[in-house]
Amino acid sequence: MSDDDKVLEAIGERLGRRPGWHLEPSPSPGGPVSWCFEEHGRVLLSVTVADGTISAYLPDGDVEVQFADLEALMAWVSLAGWTMVLP
């Protein structure tokens, strides 16, 4: 397992239990998988890891945000209100 895969797995452990999040395969062969936040069948946010960098992409605004580590991503996700943790 690569370092990127380990980080993606750690992201999944934190986001996968939250409503609206799921693991999405790459739309192109060989591309990275991503954790996506979806609402009403539409992806509002996707999170990927490539070359040690965690990136969140917001398709509506064509905006990409990069994070130094998992804790920075989780703080941003929580502040932005992407979802609540299931009890």
N, C-alpha and C. Protein backbone atom coordinates (compact mmCIF):
# COMPACT_ATOMS: atom_id res chain seq x y z
N MET A 1 0.86 -1.18 0.00
CA MET A 1 0.00 0.00 0.00
C MET A 1 0.90 1.24 0.00
N SER A 2 0.63 2.17 -0.91
CA SER A 2 1.43 3.39 -0.99
C SER A 2 1.08 4.35 0.14
N ASP A 3 1.93 5.34 0.35
CA ASP A 3 1.66 6.36 1.37
C ASP A 3 0.36 7.10 1.05
N ASP A 4 0.12 7.42 -0.24
CA ASP A 4 -1.13 8.09 -0.63
C ASP A 4 -2.33 7.23 -0.29
N ASP A 5 -2.22 5.92 -0.52
CA ASP A 5 -3.33 5.00 -0.19
C ASP A 5 -3.60 4.98 1.31
N LYS A 6 -2.53 5.04 2.10
CA LYS A 6 -2.69 5.06 3.56
C LYS A 6 -3.41 6.32 4.02
N VAL A 7 -3.05 7.45 3.43
CA VAL A 7 -3.70 8.71 3.78
C VAL A 7 -5.16 8.67 3.34
N LEU A 8 -5.44 8.16 2.14
CA LEU A 8 -6.81 8.06 1.66
C LEU A 8 -7.63 7.14 2.57
N GLU A 9 -7.02 6.07 3.04
CA GLU A 9 -7.70 5.16 3.96
C GLU A 9 -8.02 5.88 5.28
N ALA A 10 -7.08 6.67 5.77
CA ALA A 10 -7.30 7.43 7.01
C ALA A 10 -8.42 8.46 6.82
N ILE A 11 -8.46 9.08 5.65
CA ILE A 11 -9.54 10.02 5.35
C ILE A 11 -10.87 9.27 5.37
N GLY A 12 -10.91 8.10 4.78
CA GLY A 12 -12.12 7.29 4.77
C GLY A 12 -12.59 6.90 6.15
N GLU A 13 -11.64 6.62 7.04
CA GLU A 13 -12.01 6.28 8.41
C GLU A 13 -12.70 7.45 9.10
N ARG A 14 -12.35 8.66 8.71
CA ARG A 14 -12.93 9.86 9.34
C ARG A 14 -14.19 10.34 8.63
N LEU A 15 -14.21 10.25 7.29
CA LEU A 15 -15.35 10.77 6.55
C LEU A 15 -16.40 9.72 6.23
N GLY A 16 -15.99 8.46 6.10
CA GLY A 16 -16.88 7.40 5.67
C GLY A 16 -18.08 7.16 6.56
N ARG A 17 -17.99 7.54 7.82
CA ARG A 17 -19.11 7.33 8.74
C ARG A 17 -20.06 8.53 8.78
N ARG A 18 -19.75 9.53 8.01
CA ARG A 18 -20.59 10.74 7.99
C ARG A 18 -21.61 10.65 6.86
N PRO A 19 -22.82 11.14 7.09
CA PRO A 19 -23.84 11.10 6.04
C PRO A 19 -23.40 11.88 4.81
N GLY A 20 -23.70 11.32 3.66
CA GLY A 20 -23.42 12.01 2.40
C GLY A 20 -22.08 11.70 1.78
N TRP A 21 -21.19 11.02 2.51
CA TRP A 21 -19.84 10.71 2.01
C TRP A 21 -19.77 9.29 1.49
N HIS A 22 -19.05 9.10 0.38
CA HIS A 22 -18.81 7.75 -0.15
C HIS A 22 -17.52 7.76 -0.97
N LEU A 23 -16.95 6.59 -1.15
CA LEU A 23 -15.75 6.43 -1.95
C LEU A 23 -16.17 6.30 -3.41
N GLU A 24 -15.55 7.07 -4.26
CA GLU A 24 -15.91 7.11 -5.68
C GLU A 24 -14.70 6.67 -6.51
N PRO A 25 -14.88 5.71 -7.42
CA PRO A 25 -13.77 5.33 -8.29
C PRO A 25 -13.42 6.46 -9.26
N SER A 26 -12.23 6.40 -9.79
CA SER A 26 -11.79 7.42 -10.73
C SER A 26 -12.60 7.34 -12.02
N PRO A 27 -12.96 8.50 -12.59
CA PRO A 27 -13.67 8.48 -13.87
C PRO A 27 -12.75 8.10 -15.03
N SER A 28 -11.43 8.19 -14.82
CA SER A 28 -10.49 7.82 -15.88
C SER A 28 -9.60 6.67 -15.39
N PRO A 29 -9.30 5.74 -16.26
CA PRO A 29 -8.48 4.59 -15.85
C PRO A 29 -7.13 5.04 -15.27
N GLY A 30 -6.79 4.46 -14.12
CA GLY A 30 -5.52 4.78 -13.50
C GLY A 30 -5.52 6.05 -12.66
N GLY A 31 -6.61 6.78 -12.69
CA GLY A 31 -6.71 8.01 -11.90
C GLY A 31 -6.99 7.70 -10.45
N PRO A 32 -6.85 8.71 -9.59
CA PRO A 32 -7.06 8.47 -8.16
C PRO A 32 -8.54 8.33 -7.80
N VAL A 33 -8.80 7.49 -6.82
CA VAL A 33 -10.15 7.42 -6.25
C VAL A 33 -10.32 8.62 -5.33
N SER A 34 -11.55 8.94 -5.00
CA SER A 34 -11.77 10.10 -4.14
C SER A 34 -12.93 9.84 -3.19
N TRP A 35 -12.87 10.54 -2.06
CA TRP A 35 -14.00 10.57 -1.14
C TRP A 35 -14.85 11.74 -1.54
N CYS A 36 -16.14 11.48 -1.78
CA CYS A 36 -17.04 12.52 -2.28
C CYS A 36 -18.19 12.78 -1.32
N PHE A 37 -18.53 14.05 -1.22
CA PHE A 37 -19.73 14.44 -0.49
C PHE A 37 -20.78 14.73 -1.54
N GLU A 38 -21.89 13.99 -1.44
CA GLU A 38 -22.94 14.06 -2.45
C GLU A 38 -24.26 14.44 -1.81
N GLU A 39 -25.01 15.26 -2.51
CA GLU A 39 -26.33 15.64 -2.04
C GLU A 39 -27.29 15.60 -3.23
N HIS A 40 -28.38 14.88 -3.09
CA HIS A 40 -29.38 14.72 -4.15
C HIS A 40 -28.75 14.24 -5.45
N GLY A 41 -27.80 13.29 -5.34
CA GLY A 41 -27.19 12.69 -6.51
C GLY A 41 -26.12 13.54 -7.19
N ARG A 42 -25.72 14.62 -6.56
CA ARG A 42 -24.73 15.52 -7.17
C ARG A 42 -23.53 15.67 -6.24
N VAL A 43 -22.32 15.50 -6.78
CA VAL A 43 -21.11 15.65 -5.99
C VAL A 43 -20.85 17.13 -5.76
N LEU A 44 -20.78 17.51 -4.48
CA LEU A 44 -20.52 18.90 -4.12
C LEU A 44 -19.07 19.12 -3.73
N LEU A 45 -18.40 18.03 -3.31
CA LEU A 45 -17.02 18.13 -2.85
C LEU A 45 -16.36 16.78 -3.03
N SER A 46 -15.13 16.77 -3.55
CA SER A 46 -14.37 15.52 -3.63
C SER A 46 -13.00 15.74 -3.02
N VAL A 47 -12.51 14.70 -2.36
CA VAL A 47 -11.21 14.77 -1.69
C VAL A 47 -10.33 13.66 -2.25
N THR A 48 -9.13 14.04 -2.71
CA THR A 48 -8.17 13.09 -3.25
C THR A 48 -6.82 13.28 -2.58
N VAL A 49 -5.95 12.29 -2.79
CA VAL A 49 -4.58 12.38 -2.32
C VAL A 49 -3.68 12.01 -3.49
N ALA A 50 -2.74 12.89 -3.81
CA ALA A 50 -1.80 12.62 -4.90
C ALA A 50 -0.43 13.20 -4.52
N ASP A 51 0.57 12.38 -4.63
CA ASP A 51 1.94 12.78 -4.33
C ASP A 51 2.06 13.41 -2.94
N GLY A 52 1.33 12.83 -1.97
CA GLY A 52 1.41 13.28 -0.60
C GLY A 52 0.59 14.52 -0.27
N THR A 53 -0.15 15.03 -1.23
CA THR A 53 -0.95 16.23 -1.02
C THR A 53 -2.42 15.88 -0.98
N ILE A 54 -3.10 16.35 0.06
CA ILE A 54 -4.55 16.17 0.19
C ILE A 54 -5.21 17.37 -0.47
N SER A 55 -6.12 17.10 -1.42
CA SER A 55 -6.82 18.17 -2.12
C SER A 55 -8.32 17.96 -2.06
N ALA A 56 -9.03 19.07 -1.87
CA ALA A 56 -10.49 19.05 -1.94
C ALA A 56 -10.87 19.88 -3.15
N TYR A 57 -11.81 19.36 -3.92
CA TYR A 57 -12.26 20.05 -5.13
C TYR A 57 -13.75 20.34 -5.02
N LEU A 58 -14.11 21.58 -5.25
CA LEU A 58 -15.51 22.01 -5.26
C LEU A 58 -15.90 22.29 -6.71
N PRO A 59 -16.61 21.35 -7.36
CA PRO A 59 -16.91 21.50 -8.77
C PRO A 59 -17.77 22.72 -9.11
N ASP A 60 -18.68 23.12 -8.21
CA ASP A 60 -19.54 24.26 -8.53
C ASP A 60 -18.76 25.54 -8.76
N GLY A 61 -17.69 25.74 -8.02
CA GLY A 61 -16.89 26.95 -8.19
C GLY A 61 -15.58 26.70 -8.90
N ASP A 62 -15.33 25.44 -9.31
CA ASP A 62 -14.07 25.04 -9.93
C ASP A 62 -12.90 25.49 -9.05
N VAL A 63 -13.01 25.17 -7.75
CA VAL A 63 -12.02 25.58 -6.75
C VAL A 63 -11.36 24.34 -6.16
N GLU A 64 -10.04 24.39 -6.02
CA GLU A 64 -9.30 23.32 -5.37
C GLU A 64 -8.61 23.91 -4.14
N VAL A 65 -8.72 23.20 -3.02
CA VAL A 65 -8.10 23.62 -1.77
C VAL A 65 -7.16 22.50 -1.35
N GLN A 66 -5.91 22.85 -0.99
CA GLN A 66 -4.94 21.85 -0.56
C GLN A 66 -4.70 21.96 0.93
N PHE A 67 -4.39 20.81 1.55
CA PHE A 67 -4.22 20.73 2.99
C PHE A 67 -2.89 20.09 3.34
N ALA A 68 -2.29 20.57 4.42
CA ALA A 68 -1.00 20.06 4.86
C ALA A 68 -1.11 18.65 5.43
N ASP A 69 -2.26 18.35 6.05
CA ASP A 69 -2.43 17.04 6.67
C ASP A 69 -3.92 16.75 6.89
N LEU A 70 -4.18 15.56 7.41
CA LEU A 70 -5.55 15.11 7.63
C LEU A 70 -6.28 16.01 8.62
N GLU A 71 -5.61 16.44 9.66
CA GLU A 71 -6.26 17.28 10.67
C GLU A 71 -6.70 18.62 10.07
N ALA A 72 -5.90 19.18 9.19
CA ALA A 72 -6.28 20.44 8.53
C ALA A 72 -7.51 20.22 7.65
N LEU A 73 -7.56 19.11 6.93
CA LEU A 73 -8.73 18.79 6.11
C LEU A 73 -9.96 18.66 6.99
N MET A 74 -9.85 17.89 8.08
CA MET A 74 -11.00 17.66 8.94
C MET A 74 -11.49 18.95 9.59
N ALA A 75 -10.59 19.83 9.96
CA ALA A 75 -11.00 21.12 10.53
C ALA A 75 -11.78 21.91 9.49
N TRP A 76 -11.31 21.92 8.25
CA TRP A 76 -11.98 22.65 7.17
C TRP A 76 -13.35 22.05 6.87
N VAL A 77 -13.41 20.72 6.80
CA VAL A 77 -14.68 20.04 6.53
C VAL A 77 -15.69 20.38 7.62
N SER A 78 -15.25 20.37 8.87
CA SER A 78 -16.14 20.67 9.99
C SER A 78 -16.58 22.13 9.98
N LEU A 79 -15.65 23.05 9.74
CA LEU A 79 -15.99 24.47 9.72
C LEU A 79 -16.92 24.81 8.55
N ALA A 80 -16.70 24.14 7.43
CA ALA A 80 -17.51 24.42 6.25
C ALA A 80 -18.89 23.76 6.35
N GLY A 81 -19.08 22.91 7.37
CA GLY A 81 -20.39 22.30 7.59
C GLY A 81 -20.78 21.26 6.57
N TRP A 82 -19.81 20.51 6.05
CA TRP A 82 -20.13 19.55 5.00
C TRP A 82 -21.03 18.44 5.48
N THR A 83 -21.04 18.13 6.77
CA THR A 83 -21.93 17.13 7.30
C THR A 83 -21.70 16.96 8.79
N MET A 84 -22.58 16.22 9.42
CA MET A 84 -22.45 15.95 10.86
C MET A 84 -22.07 14.49 11.06
N VAL A 85 -21.35 14.20 12.11
CA VAL A 85 -21.00 12.82 12.44
C VAL A 85 -22.23 12.08 12.92
N LEU A 86 -22.40 10.86 12.44
CA LEU A 86 -23.51 10.03 12.93
C LEU A 86 -23.28 9.67 14.38
N PRO A 87 -24.33 9.60 15.18
CA PRO A 87 -24.15 9.22 16.60
C PRO A 87 -23.70 7.77 16.72
